[in-house]
Protein backbone atom coordinates (compact mmCIF):
# COMPACT_ATOMS: atom_id res chain seq x y z
CA MET A 1 -1.09 20.09 59.61
CA ILE A 2 1.78 18.03 58.27
CA GLY A 3 -0.41 14.85 58.08
CA GLN A 4 -3.02 16.72 56.06
CA SER A 5 -0.61 18.18 53.54
CA PHE A 6 0.98 14.60 53.22
CA THR A 7 -2.40 13.03 52.51
CA LYS A 8 -3.42 15.84 50.06
CA LEU A 9 -0.07 15.28 48.14
CA SER A 10 -0.67 11.55 48.33
CA ILE A 11 -4.12 11.96 46.65
CA GLU A 12 -3.08 14.53 44.13
CA GLU A 13 -0.07 11.72 43.04
CA ASP A 14 -2.85 9.04 42.69
CA LEU A 15 -4.98 11.28 40.63
CA TYR A 16 -1.89 12.12 38.30
CA LYS A 17 -1.23 8.39 38.00
CA LYS A 18 -4.70 7.58 37.03
CA GLU A 19 -4.64 10.46 34.41
CA GLU A 20 -1.54 9.56 32.80
CA PRO A 21 -2.68 6.17 31.12
CA MET A 22 -5.88 8.14 30.06
CA LYS A 23 -3.62 10.65 28.27
CA ILE A 24 -1.78 8.17 26.62
CA SER A 25 -4.84 6.29 25.41
CA ILE A 26 -6.29 9.62 23.97
CA ILE A 27 -3.02 10.16 22.18
CA LEU A 28 -2.94 6.78 20.75
CA LEU A 29 -6.58 7.18 19.68
CA VAL A 30 -6.03 10.28 17.94
CA PHE A 31 -2.98 8.96 16.00
CA THR A 32 -4.76 5.89 14.95
CA PHE A 33 -7.75 8.05 13.69
CA LEU A 34 -5.37 10.40 11.72
CA ILE A 35 -3.57 7.27 10.04
CA SER A 36 -6.79 5.50 9.10
CA CYS A 37 -8.18 8.75 7.77
CA THR A 38 -5.34 9.28 5.58
CA LYS A 39 -4.67 5.78 4.38
CA LYS A 40 -6.03 6.33 0.68
CA SER A 41 -6.14 9.95 0.56
CA THR A 42 -3.68 10.56 -2.37
CA PRO A 43 -2.97 8.49 -5.51
CA GLU A 44 0.46 7.91 -4.47
CA LEU A 45 -0.67 5.94 -1.35
CA VAL A 46 -3.23 4.04 -3.18
CA LEU A 47 -0.68 3.01 -5.92
CA ARG A 48 2.05 2.34 -3.23
CA ASP A 49 -0.42 0.03 -1.19
CA PHE A 50 -1.68 -1.90 -4.30
CA VAL A 51 1.87 -2.63 -5.42
CA SER A 52 3.07 -3.40 -1.98
CA LYS A 53 0.13 -5.84 -1.40
CA ARG A 54 0.77 -7.56 -4.85
CA PHE A 55 4.13 -8.69 -3.60
CA SER A 56 3.34 -9.61 0.22
CA GLN A 57 -0.04 -11.37 0.21
CA GLU A 58 -2.89 -12.89 -1.92
CA PHE A 59 -5.34 -10.88 -3.68
CA SER A 60 -9.10 -11.73 -3.88
CA ALA A 61 -11.67 -10.45 -6.42
CA ASP A 62 -12.93 -7.97 -3.50
CA ASP A 63 -9.37 -6.66 -3.39
CA PHE A 64 -9.70 -5.72 -6.95
CA LYS A 65 -12.70 -3.65 -6.36
CA GLU A 66 -10.85 -1.72 -3.57
CA TYR A 67 -8.09 -0.74 -5.85
CA LEU A 68 -9.23 -0.80 -9.35
CA ALA A 69 -12.13 0.68 -11.28
CA GLY A 70 -13.24 1.14 -14.83
CA GLU A 71 -11.98 -1.10 -17.84
CA ILE A 72 -9.06 -2.51 -15.77
CA LEU A 73 -11.62 -3.89 -13.14
CA GLU A 74 -13.86 -5.35 -15.84
CA GLU A 75 -10.92 -7.09 -17.45
CA ALA A 76 -9.45 -8.24 -14.07
CA LEU A 77 -12.92 -9.88 -13.03
CA ALA A 78 -13.69 -11.14 -16.72
CA GLU A 79 -10.78 -13.39 -17.14
CA GLU A 80 -12.12 -16.10 -14.94
CA GLY A 81 -9.27 -16.13 -12.38
CA LYS A 82 -6.37 -15.77 -14.94
CA TYR A 83 -5.70 -12.23 -13.97
CA LEU A 84 -5.91 -13.23 -10.20
CA GLU A 85 -3.59 -16.10 -10.63
CA LYS A 86 -1.03 -13.80 -12.38
CA ILE A 87 -1.22 -11.26 -9.71
CA ASN A 88 -0.96 -13.66 -6.90
CA GLU A 89 2.16 -15.28 -8.61
CA ALA A 90 4.06 -11.92 -7.81
CA LYS A 91 3.63 -12.75 -4.18
CA SER A 92 6.61 -15.10 -4.28
CA PHE A 93 8.64 -12.55 -5.91
CA LYS A 94 11.04 -10.25 -3.87
CA MET A 95 10.41 -6.57 -4.50
CA SER A 96 13.67 -4.42 -4.30
CA LYS A 97 12.45 -0.99 -5.45
CA PHE A 98 9.27 0.89 -5.89
CA LYS A 99 9.52 4.71 -6.61
CA ILE A 100 7.07 7.28 -8.13
CA ASN A 101 9.17 9.22 -10.73
CA ALA A 102 6.59 11.70 -11.84
CA LYS A 103 3.18 12.87 -11.18
CA ARG A 104 0.71 14.97 -13.43
CA CYS A 105 -2.67 15.85 -12.01
CA ILE A 106 -5.52 17.71 -13.41
CA ASP A 107 -8.55 17.99 -11.11
CA ASP A 108 -9.58 14.38 -9.96
CA LYS A 109 -7.38 12.68 -12.46
CA CYS A 110 -3.52 11.82 -12.19
CA PHE A 111 -0.90 10.03 -14.15
CA LEU A 112 1.88 8.49 -11.96
CA THR A 113 4.99 7.34 -13.70
CA TYR A 114 6.75 4.90 -11.50
CA SER A 115 9.58 2.32 -11.38
CA LEU A 116 9.21 -1.08 -9.91
CA ALA A 117 12.18 -3.57 -9.50
CA TYR A 118 11.91 -7.31 -8.26
CA ASP A 119 13.79 -10.61 -8.46
CA ALA A 120 11.98 -13.87 -9.60
CA PRO A 121 12.93 -17.31 -10.19
CA TYR A 122 12.86 -18.82 -13.66
CA SER A 123 13.36 -22.25 -15.17
CA VAL A 124 13.80 -22.96 -18.76
CA GLN A 125 14.44 -26.67 -19.74
CA LYS A 126 17.22 -27.66 -17.56
CA GLU A 127 18.51 -24.07 -16.62
CA SER A 128 17.19 -22.30 -13.52
CA GLY A 129 18.17 -19.11 -11.60
CA SER A 130 16.73 -15.85 -10.89
CA VAL A 131 15.90 -12.74 -13.20
CA ALA A 132 16.03 -9.27 -11.94
CA VAL A 133 13.20 -7.36 -13.61
CA ASN A 134 13.09 -3.44 -13.73
CA ILE A 135 9.86 -2.07 -15.04
CA ARG A 136 8.70 1.56 -15.69
CA LYS A 137 4.85 2.01 -15.88
CA ILE A 138 2.15 4.75 -15.91
CA ALA A 139 -0.84 4.52 -13.69
CA GLU A 140 -3.90 6.36 -14.51
CA MET A 141 -5.72 7.47 -11.48
CA LYS A 142 -9.07 8.90 -10.77
CA LYS A 143 -11.06 9.79 -7.88
CA GLU A 144 -14.24 7.95 -7.81
CA GLU A 145 -16.88 8.89 -4.82
CA GLY A 146 -13.88 10.49 -2.95
CA VAL A 147 -11.59 7.61 -3.16
CA TRP A 148 -8.55 7.28 -5.62
CA LYS A 149 -8.66 4.28 -7.81
CA ILE A 150 -6.43 2.75 -10.57
CA PHE A 151 -8.11 3.02 -13.84
CA GLY A 152 -5.27 1.82 -16.26
CA ILE A 153 -1.62 0.84 -16.03
CA THR A 154 0.59 0.91 -19.22
CA ASP A 155 3.99 -0.62 -19.47
CA VAL A 156 6.55 1.91 -20.67
CA LYS A 157 9.69 -0.12 -20.48
CA THR A 158 10.80 -3.60 -19.10
CA ASN A 159 14.48 -4.92 -18.64
CA PHE A 160 15.36 -8.49 -17.53
CA ASP A 161 18.77 -9.42 -16.14
CA TYR A 162 19.09 -13.19 -16.00
CA LYS A 163 21.34 -14.74 -13.30
CA GLU A 164 22.33 -18.49 -12.85
């Protein structure tokens, strides 16, 4: 009798040990699914992702299509790489601040006012150093086929603080 209960207990422990990794796998799978579904579900997330990517990795023409639409996309693709070169230049800058200050939405159209700060190197003739740049912009966002995209970005204010 004692041998049977010990064997039964041992089998139950083995089953529990096998179920535990499965439970963890299911939880991770659900968590991953939730994150992937909400990646670009709001205009704030799309804008934040666009700006973050600008300062961390190189853009390609296909990346523009992922974030931009309308006239801003046409302009970006029409300038024969000049816009792409300008965007990729920001990869070497150090972003220090990104904040969405205001949001105004009507149906599937939003205007996001945001502040951005970064440090960039400069050199003029024999002088060189870094410049702290603070920018305030307004992004026009629209939902296109269920996905938020940037339709326009307007500069509101830019401040430069040169350091030697």
